[in-house]
Amino acid sequence: MLTPLLALAALALQDTPAAPAPAPDASPANATVTIDALPLEHAAAARCAVAFATVSRWQKAGDARGSGYPEMEAAGGREFFVRVMAKLMDETGLGREDIITLSASVADDNEREGGPERVKAMMPACVMMKTAAGL
């Protein structure tokens, strides 16, 4: 699981200029935007943003699952989430409701596919991505 995430992070961090991605069809007929419909760079960043938000939620709730991580607010996790989602909206044409739906879907996927262990496996690549973003 970690190897594919590292590959995604490496691809997302390449110094090639990103062309604006075509906007996924977010019309009422296709109101559900999936992570798999996004370009690789956006999908990897969105997955990490949601992982940081998940850990932050655990920490705020006093949940032991968040105790093994740096405090997400101070460590730039929230700022990463905001920047990634704003960039996603700007470059794909997604709206706020689409972002909320997408984030919830990714969080559900994480929980269904291993929960805390999946988030833990993602963190090394996500921290690299966040550091590369200057956070």
C-alpha atoms as a PDB file:
ATOM      1  CA  MET A   1       0.000   0.000   0.000  1.00  0.00           C
ATOM      2  CA  LEU A   2       2.810   2.428   0.811  1.00  0.00           C
ATOM      3  CA  THR A   3       4.627   1.914  -2.500  1.00  0.00           C
ATOM      4  CA  PRO A   4       1.708   3.094  -4.683  1.00  0.00           C
ATOM      5  CA  LEU A   5       1.246   6.135  -2.450  1.00  0.00           C
ATOM      6  CA  LEU A   6       4.933   7.015  -2.689  1.00  0.00           C
ATOM      7  CA  ALA A   7       4.702   6.678  -6.453  1.00  0.00           C
ATOM      8  CA  LEU A   8       1.689   8.991  -6.483  1.00  0.00           C
ATOM      9  CA  ALA A   9       3.508  11.516  -4.323  1.00  0.00           C
ATOM     10  CA  ALA A  10       6.589  11.364  -6.530  1.00  0.00           C
ATOM     11  CA  LEU A  11       4.520  11.925  -9.646  1.00  0.00           C
ATOM     12  CA  ALA A  12       2.681  14.781  -8.008  1.00  0.00           C
ATOM     13  CA  LEU A  13       5.952  16.417  -6.977  1.00  0.00           C
ATOM     14  CA  GLN A  14       7.574  16.380 -10.410  1.00  0.00           C
ATOM     15  CA  ASP A  15       8.721  19.749 -11.708  1.00  0.00           C
ATOM     16  CA  THR A  16       6.655  19.534 -14.869  1.00  0.00           C
ATOM     17  CA  PRO A  17       4.187  22.357 -15.334  1.00  0.00           C
ATOM     18  CA  ALA A  18       0.660  21.178 -14.749  1.00  0.00           C
ATOM     19  CA  ALA A  19      -1.757  21.920 -17.528  1.00  0.00           C
ATOM     20  CA  PRO A  20      -5.215  22.828 -16.324  1.00  0.00           C
ATOM     21  CA  ALA A  21      -7.171  19.634 -15.987  1.00  0.00           C
ATOM     22  CA  PRO A  22     -10.465  19.287 -17.733  1.00  0.00           C
ATOM     23  CA  ALA A  23     -13.264  19.706 -15.250  1.00  0.00           C
ATOM     24  CA  PRO A  24     -15.040  16.513 -14.274  1.00  0.00           C
ATOM     25  CA  ASP A  25     -18.686  16.624 -15.233  1.00  0.00           C
ATOM     26  CA  ALA A  26     -20.244  18.012 -12.065  1.00  0.00           C
ATOM     27  CA  SER A  27     -23.633  18.682 -13.574  1.00  0.00           C
ATOM     28  CA  PRO A  28     -26.785  17.595 -11.719  1.00  0.00           C
ATOM     29  CA  ALA A  29     -26.969  14.523 -13.944  1.00  0.00           C
ATOM     30  CA  ASN A  30     -23.513  13.504 -12.657  1.00  0.00           C
ATOM     31  CA  ALA A  31     -23.447  15.123  -9.212  1.00  0.00           C
ATOM     32  CA  THR A  32     -21.057  12.583  -7.688  1.00  0.00           C
ATOM     33  CA  VAL A  33     -17.415  13.328  -8.441  1.00  0.00           C
ATOM     34  CA  THR A  34     -15.082  10.446  -7.640  1.00  0.00           C
ATOM     35  CA  ILE A  35     -11.423  10.594  -6.732  1.00  0.00           C
ATOM     36  CA  ASP A  36     -10.671   8.230  -9.617  1.00  0.00           C
ATOM     37  CA  ALA A  37     -12.064  10.763 -12.105  1.00  0.00           C
ATOM     38  CA  LEU A  38      -9.434  13.325 -11.113  1.00  0.00           C
ATOM     39  CA  PRO A  39      -5.975  13.705 -12.638  1.00  0.00           C
ATOM     40  CA  LEU A  40      -3.302  11.838 -10.651  1.00  0.00           C
ATOM     41  CA  GLU A  41      -1.768  14.982  -9.121  1.00  0.00           C
ATOM     42  CA  HIS A  42      -5.127  16.166  -7.800  1.00  0.00           C
ATOM     43  CA  ALA A  43      -6.189  12.733  -6.581  1.00  0.00           C
ATOM     44  CA  ALA A  44      -2.957  12.172  -4.610  1.00  0.00           C
ATOM     45  CA  ALA A  45      -3.098  15.624  -3.026  1.00  0.00           C
ATOM     46  CA  ALA A  46      -6.794  15.240  -2.154  1.00  0.00           C
ATOM     47  CA  ARG A  47      -6.172  11.856  -0.526  1.00  0.00           C
ATOM     48  CA  CYS A  48      -3.412  13.373   1.613  1.00  0.00           C
ATOM     49  CA  ALA A  49      -5.512  16.416   2.488  1.00  0.00           C
ATOM     50  CA  VAL A  50      -8.281  14.132   3.724  1.00  0.00           C
ATOM     51  CA  ALA A  51      -5.774  12.011   5.673  1.00  0.00           C
ATOM     52  CA  PHE A  52      -4.514  15.151   7.447  1.00  0.00           C
ATOM     53  CA  ALA A  53      -8.091  16.225   8.164  1.00  0.00           C
ATOM     54  CA  THR A  54      -8.886  12.786   9.560  1.00  0.00           C
ATOM     55  CA  VAL A  55      -5.920  12.862  11.926  1.00  0.00           C
ATOM     56  CA  SER A  56      -6.832  16.411  12.963  1.00  0.00           C
ATOM     57  CA  ARG A  57     -10.381  15.281  13.735  1.00  0.00           C
ATOM     58  CA  TRP A  58      -9.050  12.411  15.850  1.00  0.00           C
ATOM     59  CA  GLN A  59      -6.758  14.783  17.725  1.00  0.00           C
ATOM     60  CA  LYS A  60      -9.499  17.336  18.416  1.00  0.00           C
ATOM     61  CA  ALA A  61     -11.745  14.559  19.727  1.00  0.00           C
ATOM     62  CA  GLY A  62      -9.025  13.193  22.013  1.00  0.00           C
ATOM     63  CA  ASP A  63      -9.107   9.929  20.050  1.00  0.00           C
ATOM     64  CA  ALA A  64      -6.007   7.798  20.667  1.00  0.00           C
ATOM     65  CA  ARG A  65      -5.706   7.159  16.909  1.00  0.00           C
ATOM     66  CA  GLY A  66      -4.423  10.728  16.518  1.00  0.00           C
ATOM     67  CA  SER A  67      -1.828  10.586  19.271  1.00  0.00           C
ATOM     68  CA  GLY A  68       1.044   9.212  17.198  1.00  0.00           C
ATOM     69  CA  TYR A  69       1.147  12.209  14.854  1.00  0.00           C
ATOM     70  CA  PRO A  70       2.322  15.793  15.173  1.00  0.00           C
ATOM     71  CA  GLU A  71      -0.484  18.191  16.038  1.00  0.00           C
ATOM     72  CA  MET A  72      -2.068  18.735  12.619  1.00  0.00           C
ATOM     73  CA  GLU A  73      -3.110  22.348  13.103  1.00  0.00           C
ATOM     74  CA  ALA A  74       0.408  23.455  14.073  1.00  0.00           C
ATOM     75  CA  ALA A  75       2.077  21.136  11.549  1.00  0.00           C
ATOM     76  CA  GLY A  76       0.292  22.653   8.542  1.00  0.00           C
ATOM     77  CA  GLY A  77      -2.222  19.875   7.916  1.00  0.00           C
ATOM     78  CA  ARG A  78      -5.191  22.244   7.876  1.00  0.00           C
ATOM     79  CA  GLU A  79      -3.423  24.726   5.603  1.00  0.00           C
ATOM     80  CA  PHE A  80      -2.502  21.891   3.230  1.00  0.00           C
ATOM     81  CA  PHE A  81      -6.139  20.793   3.123  1.00  0.00           C
ATOM     82  CA  VAL A  82      -7.354  24.323   2.367  1.00  0.00           C
ATOM     83  CA  ARG A  83      -4.750  24.926  -0.344  1.00  0.00           C
ATOM     84  CA  VAL A  84      -5.326  21.571  -2.026  1.00  0.00           C
ATOM     85  CA  MET A  85      -9.078  21.917  -2.101  1.00  0.00           C
ATOM     86  CA  ALA A  86      -8.907  25.530  -3.349  1.00  0.00           C
ATOM     87  CA  LYS A  87      -6.504  24.476  -6.109  1.00  0.00           C
ATOM     88  CA  LEU A  88      -8.765  21.580  -6.984  1.00  0.00           C
ATOM     89  CA  MET A  89     -11.725  23.936  -7.306  1.00  0.00           C
ATOM     90  CA  ASP A  90      -9.714  26.441  -9.368  1.00  0.00           C
ATOM     91  CA  GLU A  91      -8.202  23.907 -11.753  1.00  0.00           C
ATOM     92  CA  THR A  92     -11.123  21.535 -12.241  1.00  0.00           C
ATOM     93  CA  GLY A  93     -14.170  23.753 -11.901  1.00  0.00           C
ATOM     94  CA  LEU A  94     -15.543  21.751  -8.988  1.00  0.00           C
ATOM     95  CA  GLY A  95     -17.776  23.636  -6.546  1.00  0.00           C
ATOM     96  CA  ARG A  96     -17.857  23.579  -2.766  1.00  0.00           C
ATOM     97  CA  GLU A  97     -20.536  20.894  -2.654  1.00  0.00           C
ATOM     98  CA  ASP A  98     -18.449  18.728  -4.996  1.00  0.00           C
ATOM     99  CA  ILE A  99     -15.431  19.153  -2.704  1.00  0.00           C
ATOM    100  CA  ILE A 100     -17.474  18.254   0.364  1.00  0.00           C
ATOM    101  CA  THR A 101     -18.836  15.154  -1.372  1.00  0.00           C
ATOM    102  CA  LEU A 102     -15.401  14.161  -2.651  1.00  0.00           C
ATOM    103  CA  SER A 103     -13.772  14.625   0.772  1.00  0.00           C
ATOM    104  CA  ALA A 104     -16.453  12.575   2.497  1.00  0.00           C
ATOM    105  CA  SER A 105     -16.106   9.838  -0.111  1.00  0.00           C
ATOM    106  CA  VAL A 106     -12.323   9.658   0.337  1.00  0.00           C
ATOM    107  CA  ALA A 107     -12.701   9.586   4.127  1.00  0.00           C
ATOM    108  CA  ASP A 108     -15.243   6.766   3.801  1.00  0.00           C
ATOM    109  CA  ASP A 109     -12.885   4.868   1.482  1.00  0.00           C
ATOM    110  CA  ASN A 110     -10.059   5.242   4.005  1.00  0.00           C
ATOM    111  CA  GLU A 111     -12.228   3.945   6.816  1.00  0.00           C
ATOM    112  CA  ARG A 112     -13.540   1.037   4.759  1.00  0.00           C
ATOM    113  CA  GLU A 113     -10.074   0.091   3.476  1.00  0.00           C
ATOM    114  CA  GLY A 114      -8.185  -0.126   6.735  1.00  0.00           C
ATOM    115  CA  GLY A 115      -9.048   2.962   8.778  1.00  0.00           C
ATOM    116  CA  PRO A 116      -6.156   4.058  10.978  1.00  0.00           C
ATOM    117  CA  GLU A 117      -3.749   1.623   9.327  1.00  0.00           C
ATOM    118  CA  ARG A 118      -4.483   3.045   5.877  1.00  0.00           C
ATOM    119  CA  VAL A 119      -3.960   6.594   7.126  1.00  0.00           C
ATOM    120  CA  LYS A 120      -0.725   5.527   8.832  1.00  0.00           C
ATOM    121  CA  ALA A 121       0.529   3.931   5.601  1.00  0.00           C
ATOM    122  CA  MET A 122      -0.248   7.109   3.656  1.00  0.00           C
ATOM    123  CA  MET A 123       1.458   9.518   6.051  1.00  0.00           C
ATOM    124  CA  PRO A 124       5.095   9.256   4.851  1.00  0.00           C
ATOM    125  CA  ALA A 125       4.127  10.186   1.282  1.00  0.00           C
ATOM    126  CA  CYS A 126       1.667  12.809   2.486  1.00  0.00           C
ATOM    127  CA  VAL A 127       4.239  14.451   4.746  1.00  0.00           C
ATOM    128  CA  MET A 128       6.630  14.596   1.770  1.00  0.00           C
ATOM    129  CA  MET A 129       3.933  16.242  -0.303  1.00  0.00           C
ATOM    130  CA  LYS A 130       3.115  18.743   2.455  1.00  0.00           C
ATOM    131  CA  THR A 131       6.799  19.560   2.943  1.00  0.00           C
ATOM    132  CA  ALA A 132       7.235  20.078  -0.798  1.00  0.00           C
ATOM    133  CA  ALA A 133       4.323  22.536  -0.622  1.00  0.00           C
ATOM    134  CA  GLY A 134       6.301  24.540   1.909  1.00  0.00           C
ATOM    135  CA  LEU A 135       4.193  23.605   4.921  1.00  0.00           C
END
